[in-house]
């Protein structure tokens, strides 16, 4: 878990504008293009999410499971592929996921 937390902190740092760089991000300074931060605006570290058990299943066999978002899964799948911690403490890459609080049955307490 610590490795994923450190990777998340590094990612946030590299995508945050810094005054000493003229208010651009380290990513933009290194590569010359503004970074895509859309993944970080949708999820935060260790956020409860629902993911598909197997992304190749189709309706009505789809089954959503609860997991925790650990960050983007770079070099795996599409641009929105994420590392998900499952309830049995394994990490799986998944693209089809949604926040757990989107569930109308989920109560905010």
N, C-alpha and C. Protein backbone atom coordinates (compact mmCIF):
# COMPACT_ATOMS: atom_id res chain seq x y z
N UNK A 1 0.81 -1.18 0.00
CA UNK A 1 0.00 0.00 0.00
C UNK A 1 0.87 1.26 0.00
N UNK A 2 1.98 1.23 0.72
CA UNK A 2 2.86 2.39 0.79
C UNK A 2 3.41 2.77 -0.58
N UNK A 3 3.72 1.79 -1.40
CA UNK A 3 4.24 2.07 -2.73
C UNK A 3 3.22 2.83 -3.57
N UNK A 4 1.96 2.42 -3.50
CA UNK A 4 0.92 3.12 -4.25
C UNK A 4 0.69 4.52 -3.69
N UNK A 5 0.78 4.68 -2.38
CA UNK A 5 0.63 6.01 -1.78
C UNK A 5 1.76 6.94 -2.24
N UNK A 6 2.98 6.43 -2.27
CA UNK A 6 4.11 7.24 -2.73
C UNK A 6 3.98 7.60 -4.21
N UNK A 7 3.55 6.65 -5.04
CA UNK A 7 3.35 6.94 -6.45
C UNK A 7 2.28 8.01 -6.65
N UNK A 8 1.24 7.96 -5.84
CA UNK A 8 0.17 8.96 -5.92
C UNK A 8 0.71 10.35 -5.54
N UNK A 9 1.48 10.43 -4.47
CA UNK A 9 2.05 11.71 -4.03
C UNK A 9 2.98 12.27 -5.11
N UNK A 10 3.80 11.43 -5.71
CA UNK A 10 4.70 11.87 -6.77
C UNK A 10 3.89 12.37 -7.97
N UNK A 11 2.84 11.66 -8.32
CA UNK A 11 2.00 12.06 -9.44
C UNK A 11 1.37 13.43 -9.19
N UNK A 12 0.81 13.62 -8.00
CA UNK A 12 0.20 14.91 -7.67
C UNK A 12 1.24 16.02 -7.71
N UNK A 13 2.42 15.76 -7.17
CA UNK A 13 3.48 16.76 -7.21
C UNK A 13 3.85 17.13 -8.64
N UNK A 14 4.00 16.14 -9.50
CA UNK A 14 4.40 16.40 -10.88
C UNK A 14 3.32 17.09 -11.70
N UNK A 15 2.08 17.05 -11.23
CA UNK A 15 0.97 17.67 -11.96
C UNK A 15 0.48 18.95 -11.29
N UNK A 16 1.24 19.46 -10.32
CA UNK A 16 0.88 20.69 -9.61
C UNK A 16 1.82 21.81 -10.03
N UNK A 17 1.24 22.96 -10.40
CA UNK A 17 2.04 24.11 -10.82
C UNK A 17 2.90 24.62 -9.66
N UNK A 18 4.13 25.01 -10.00
CA UNK A 18 5.09 25.47 -9.00
C UNK A 18 5.55 26.88 -9.37
N UNK A 19 5.60 27.74 -8.37
CA UNK A 19 5.99 29.13 -8.60
C UNK A 19 7.39 29.25 -9.20
N UNK A 20 8.33 28.47 -8.71
CA UNK A 20 9.72 28.56 -9.19
C UNK A 20 9.86 28.15 -10.66
N UNK A 21 8.86 27.47 -11.21
CA UNK A 21 8.88 27.10 -12.63
C UNK A 21 8.03 28.05 -13.47
N UNK A 22 7.62 29.17 -12.87
CA UNK A 22 6.77 30.11 -13.60
C UNK A 22 5.33 29.67 -13.64
N UNK A 23 4.89 29.00 -12.59
CA UNK A 23 3.53 28.50 -12.44
C UNK A 23 3.14 27.51 -13.54
N UNK A 24 4.07 26.65 -13.91
CA UNK A 24 3.74 25.50 -14.74
C UNK A 24 4.11 24.25 -13.94
N UNK A 25 3.65 23.13 -14.41
CA UNK A 25 3.90 21.87 -13.70
C UNK A 25 5.26 21.30 -14.08
N UNK A 26 5.86 20.48 -13.20
CA UNK A 26 7.09 19.80 -13.59
C UNK A 26 6.91 18.94 -14.84
N UNK A 27 5.74 18.35 -15.01
CA UNK A 27 5.45 17.55 -16.20
C UNK A 27 5.54 18.41 -17.45
N UNK A 28 4.94 19.59 -17.41
CA UNK A 28 4.97 20.48 -18.57
C UNK A 28 6.38 20.99 -18.83
N UNK A 29 7.12 21.25 -17.79
CA UNK A 29 8.51 21.69 -17.95
C UNK A 29 9.35 20.61 -18.63
N UNK A 30 9.12 19.36 -18.27
CA UNK A 30 9.90 18.25 -18.81
C UNK A 30 9.49 17.88 -20.24
N UNK A 31 8.17 17.89 -20.52
CA UNK A 31 7.69 17.39 -21.80
C UNK A 31 7.16 18.45 -22.75
N UNK A 32 6.98 19.68 -22.25
CA UNK A 32 6.53 20.77 -23.10
C UNK A 32 5.05 20.84 -23.37
N UNK A 33 4.27 19.94 -22.77
CA UNK A 33 2.82 19.98 -22.96
C UNK A 33 2.14 19.93 -21.59
N UNK A 34 0.98 20.58 -21.46
CA UNK A 34 0.26 20.52 -20.18
C UNK A 34 -0.21 19.08 -19.91
N UNK A 35 -0.17 18.65 -18.65
CA UNK A 35 -0.58 17.27 -18.34
C UNK A 35 -2.09 17.11 -18.30
N UNK A 36 -2.53 15.88 -18.46
CA UNK A 36 -3.95 15.54 -18.32
C UNK A 36 -4.20 15.18 -16.86
N UNK A 37 -4.97 15.99 -16.17
CA UNK A 37 -5.24 15.77 -14.74
C UNK A 37 -6.65 15.24 -14.50
N UNK A 38 -7.35 14.84 -15.55
CA UNK A 38 -8.74 14.43 -15.41
C UNK A 38 -8.92 13.25 -14.45
N UNK A 39 -7.99 12.32 -14.43
CA UNK A 39 -8.09 11.17 -13.53
C UNK A 39 -8.07 11.64 -12.07
N UNK A 40 -7.24 12.64 -11.77
CA UNK A 40 -7.13 13.11 -10.39
C UNK A 40 -8.30 13.98 -9.97
N UNK A 41 -9.08 14.47 -10.93
CA UNK A 41 -10.26 15.25 -10.57
C UNK A 41 -11.47 14.36 -10.30
N UNK A 42 -11.40 13.13 -10.74
CA UNK A 42 -12.53 12.21 -10.56
C UNK A 42 -12.38 11.35 -9.30
N UNK A 43 -11.15 10.96 -8.98
CA UNK A 43 -10.92 10.06 -7.85
C UNK A 43 -9.82 10.60 -6.95
N UNK A 44 -9.83 10.18 -5.70
CA UNK A 44 -8.73 10.49 -4.79
C UNK A 44 -8.22 9.18 -4.21
N UNK A 45 -7.02 9.22 -3.65
CA UNK A 45 -6.37 8.01 -3.16
C UNK A 45 -7.24 7.30 -2.12
N UNK A 46 -7.36 6.01 -2.28
CA UNK A 46 -8.10 5.09 -1.39
C UNK A 46 -9.59 5.41 -1.33
N UNK A 47 -10.11 5.97 -2.40
CA UNK A 47 -11.55 6.25 -2.49
C UNK A 47 -12.29 4.96 -2.79
N UNK A 48 -13.39 4.69 -2.09
CA UNK A 48 -14.19 3.51 -2.42
C UNK A 48 -14.81 3.64 -3.81
N UNK A 49 -14.67 2.60 -4.61
CA UNK A 49 -15.21 2.58 -5.97
C UNK A 49 -15.85 1.22 -6.23
N UNK A 50 -16.73 1.20 -7.22
CA UNK A 50 -17.25 -0.06 -7.74
C UNK A 50 -16.57 -0.32 -9.08
N UNK A 51 -16.11 -1.55 -9.28
CA UNK A 51 -15.47 -1.92 -10.53
C UNK A 51 -16.10 -3.21 -11.02
N UNK A 52 -15.96 -3.46 -12.32
CA UNK A 52 -16.50 -4.70 -12.88
C UNK A 52 -15.58 -5.85 -12.55
N UNK A 53 -16.18 -6.96 -12.13
CA UNK A 53 -15.39 -8.15 -11.77
C UNK A 53 -14.52 -8.58 -12.93
N UNK A 54 -15.06 -8.63 -14.12
CA UNK A 54 -14.31 -8.96 -15.33
C UNK A 54 -14.84 -8.04 -16.42
N UNK A 55 -13.98 -7.23 -16.98
CA UNK A 55 -14.42 -6.22 -17.93
C UNK A 55 -14.90 -6.80 -19.26
N UNK A 56 -14.70 -8.09 -19.49
CA UNK A 56 -15.12 -8.68 -20.75
C UNK A 56 -16.51 -9.29 -20.65
N UNK A 57 -17.10 -9.30 -19.47
CA UNK A 57 -18.47 -9.79 -19.33
C UNK A 57 -19.43 -8.80 -19.95
N UNK A 58 -20.60 -9.27 -20.29
CA UNK A 58 -21.61 -8.37 -20.83
C UNK A 58 -22.91 -8.57 -20.06
N UNK A 59 -23.77 -7.60 -20.18
CA UNK A 59 -25.06 -7.63 -19.50
C UNK A 59 -25.80 -8.90 -19.87
N UNK A 60 -26.47 -9.59 -19.02
CA UNK A 60 -26.72 -9.30 -17.61
C UNK A 60 -25.72 -9.96 -16.66
N UNK A 61 -24.62 -10.48 -17.20
CA UNK A 61 -23.66 -11.20 -16.36
C UNK A 61 -22.69 -10.26 -15.64
N UNK A 62 -22.79 -8.95 -15.89
CA UNK A 62 -21.88 -8.01 -15.24
C UNK A 62 -22.07 -8.04 -13.73
N UNK A 63 -20.98 -7.90 -13.01
CA UNK A 63 -21.05 -7.90 -11.56
C UNK A 63 -20.09 -6.84 -11.04
N UNK A 64 -20.62 -5.87 -10.32
CA UNK A 64 -19.79 -4.83 -9.72
C UNK A 64 -19.35 -5.26 -8.33
N UNK A 65 -18.10 -4.96 -8.03
CA UNK A 65 -17.55 -5.27 -6.71
C UNK A 65 -16.99 -4.00 -6.10
N UNK A 66 -16.94 -3.96 -4.78
CA UNK A 66 -16.38 -2.82 -4.08
C UNK A 66 -14.86 -2.95 -4.02
N UNK A 67 -14.18 -1.84 -4.24
CA UNK A 67 -12.73 -1.79 -4.14
C UNK A 67 -12.30 -0.39 -3.76
N UNK A 68 -10.99 -0.14 -3.76
CA UNK A 68 -10.45 1.17 -3.39
C UNK A 68 -9.49 1.62 -4.46
N UNK A 69 -9.64 2.87 -4.91
CA UNK A 69 -8.83 3.44 -5.98
C UNK A 69 -7.45 3.77 -5.45
N UNK A 70 -6.40 3.26 -6.12
CA UNK A 70 -5.02 3.48 -5.70
C UNK A 70 -4.24 4.39 -6.64
N UNK A 71 -4.82 4.74 -7.77
CA UNK A 71 -4.15 5.63 -8.70
C UNK A 71 -4.21 5.10 -10.12
N UNK A 72 -3.76 5.92 -11.06
CA UNK A 72 -3.76 5.49 -12.46
C UNK A 72 -2.81 4.32 -12.69
N UNK A 73 -3.21 3.44 -13.59
CA UNK A 73 -2.36 2.30 -13.96
C UNK A 73 -1.67 2.65 -15.28
N UNK A 74 -0.58 3.38 -15.17
CA UNK A 74 0.16 3.79 -16.36
C UNK A 74 0.70 2.56 -17.08
N UNK A 75 0.73 2.61 -18.39
CA UNK A 75 1.24 1.53 -19.24
C UNK A 75 0.40 0.26 -19.16
N UNK A 76 -0.85 0.39 -18.69
CA UNK A 76 -1.76 -0.75 -18.65
C UNK A 76 -3.12 -0.27 -19.14
N UNK A 77 -3.66 -0.91 -20.15
CA UNK A 77 -4.99 -0.55 -20.61
C UNK A 77 -5.05 0.84 -21.23
N UNK A 78 -6.25 1.44 -21.16
CA UNK A 78 -6.45 2.76 -21.76
C UNK A 78 -6.02 3.87 -20.80
N UNK A 79 -6.26 5.12 -21.21
CA UNK A 79 -5.81 6.28 -20.42
C UNK A 79 -6.48 6.35 -19.05
N UNK A 80 -7.66 5.77 -18.91
CA UNK A 80 -8.37 5.83 -17.63
C UNK A 80 -8.28 4.54 -16.83
N UNK A 81 -7.35 3.69 -17.15
CA UNK A 81 -7.15 2.45 -16.41
C UNK A 81 -6.54 2.78 -15.04
N UNK A 82 -7.08 2.16 -14.00
CA UNK A 82 -6.66 2.45 -12.63
C UNK A 82 -6.29 1.19 -11.89
N UNK A 83 -5.45 1.34 -10.87
CA UNK A 83 -5.17 0.25 -9.95
C UNK A 83 -6.26 0.26 -8.88
N UNK A 84 -6.88 -0.92 -8.67
CA UNK A 84 -7.95 -1.05 -7.69
C UNK A 84 -7.54 -2.11 -6.67
N UNK A 85 -7.64 -1.76 -5.39
CA UNK A 85 -7.42 -2.71 -4.32
C UNK A 85 -8.73 -3.44 -4.06
N UNK A 86 -8.72 -4.76 -4.17
CA UNK A 86 -9.93 -5.55 -3.98
C UNK A 86 -10.13 -5.89 -2.51
N UNK A 87 -11.28 -6.44 -2.18
CA UNK A 87 -11.58 -6.81 -0.80
C UNK A 87 -10.71 -7.96 -0.30
N UNK A 88 -10.10 -8.73 -1.22
CA UNK A 88 -9.19 -9.80 -0.78
C UNK A 88 -7.73 -9.37 -0.88
N UNK A 89 -7.50 -8.04 -0.88
CA UNK A 89 -6.15 -7.43 -0.82
C UNK A 89 -5.27 -7.74 -2.02
N UNK A 90 -5.87 -7.88 -3.19
CA UNK A 90 -5.10 -7.96 -4.42
C UNK A 90 -5.33 -6.66 -5.18
N UNK A 91 -4.41 -6.32 -6.07
CA UNK A 91 -4.53 -5.11 -6.88
C UNK A 91 -4.78 -5.53 -8.32
N UNK A 92 -5.84 -4.99 -8.91
CA UNK A 92 -6.20 -5.31 -10.29
C UNK A 92 -6.32 -4.02 -11.09
N UNK A 93 -5.95 -4.04 -12.37
CA UNK A 93 -6.17 -2.87 -13.23
C UNK A 93 -7.58 -2.92 -13.81
N UNK A 94 -8.29 -1.79 -13.72
CA UNK A 94 -9.64 -1.72 -14.26
C UNK A 94 -9.90 -0.35 -14.87
N UNK A 95 -10.66 -0.35 -15.96
CA UNK A 95 -11.07 0.90 -16.61
C UNK A 95 -12.52 1.23 -16.31
N UNK A 96 -13.34 0.21 -16.18
CA UNK A 96 -14.77 0.43 -15.93
C UNK A 96 -15.00 0.49 -14.42
N UNK A 97 -15.11 1.70 -13.90
CA UNK A 97 -15.37 1.86 -12.47
C UNK A 97 -16.13 3.14 -12.23
N UNK A 98 -16.69 3.24 -11.05
CA UNK A 98 -17.43 4.44 -10.65
C UNK A 98 -17.29 4.61 -9.15
N UNK A 99 -17.50 5.83 -8.68
CA UNK A 99 -17.36 6.09 -7.26
C UNK A 99 -18.46 5.36 -6.50
N UNK A 100 -18.16 4.92 -5.30
CA UNK A 100 -19.13 4.17 -4.51
C UNK A 100 -20.28 5.05 -4.07
N UNK A 101 -20.07 6.35 -3.91
CA UNK A 101 -21.16 7.20 -3.44
C UNK A 101 -22.16 7.53 -4.54
N UNK A 102 -21.92 7.07 -5.80
CA UNK A 102 -22.90 7.24 -6.87
C UNK A 102 -24.07 6.29 -6.72
N UNK A 103 -23.92 5.29 -5.87
CA UNK A 103 -24.95 4.30 -5.65
C UNK A 103 -26.11 4.94 -4.88
N UNK A 104 -27.33 4.96 -5.43
CA UNK A 104 -28.44 5.59 -4.72
C UNK A 104 -28.77 4.91 -3.39
N UNK A 105 -28.32 3.68 -3.19
CA UNK A 105 -28.59 2.99 -1.93
C UNK A 105 -27.55 3.31 -0.87
N UNK A 106 -26.45 3.97 -1.28
CA UNK A 106 -25.37 4.31 -0.35
C UNK A 106 -25.80 5.52 0.48
N UNK A 107 -25.73 5.39 1.77
CA UNK A 107 -26.13 6.48 2.65
C UNK A 107 -24.90 7.21 3.14
N UNK A 108 -24.98 8.54 3.14
CA UNK A 108 -23.90 9.36 3.71
C UNK A 108 -24.18 9.53 5.19
N UNK A 109 -23.31 8.98 6.00
CA UNK A 109 -23.51 9.08 7.45
C UNK A 109 -22.41 9.91 8.05
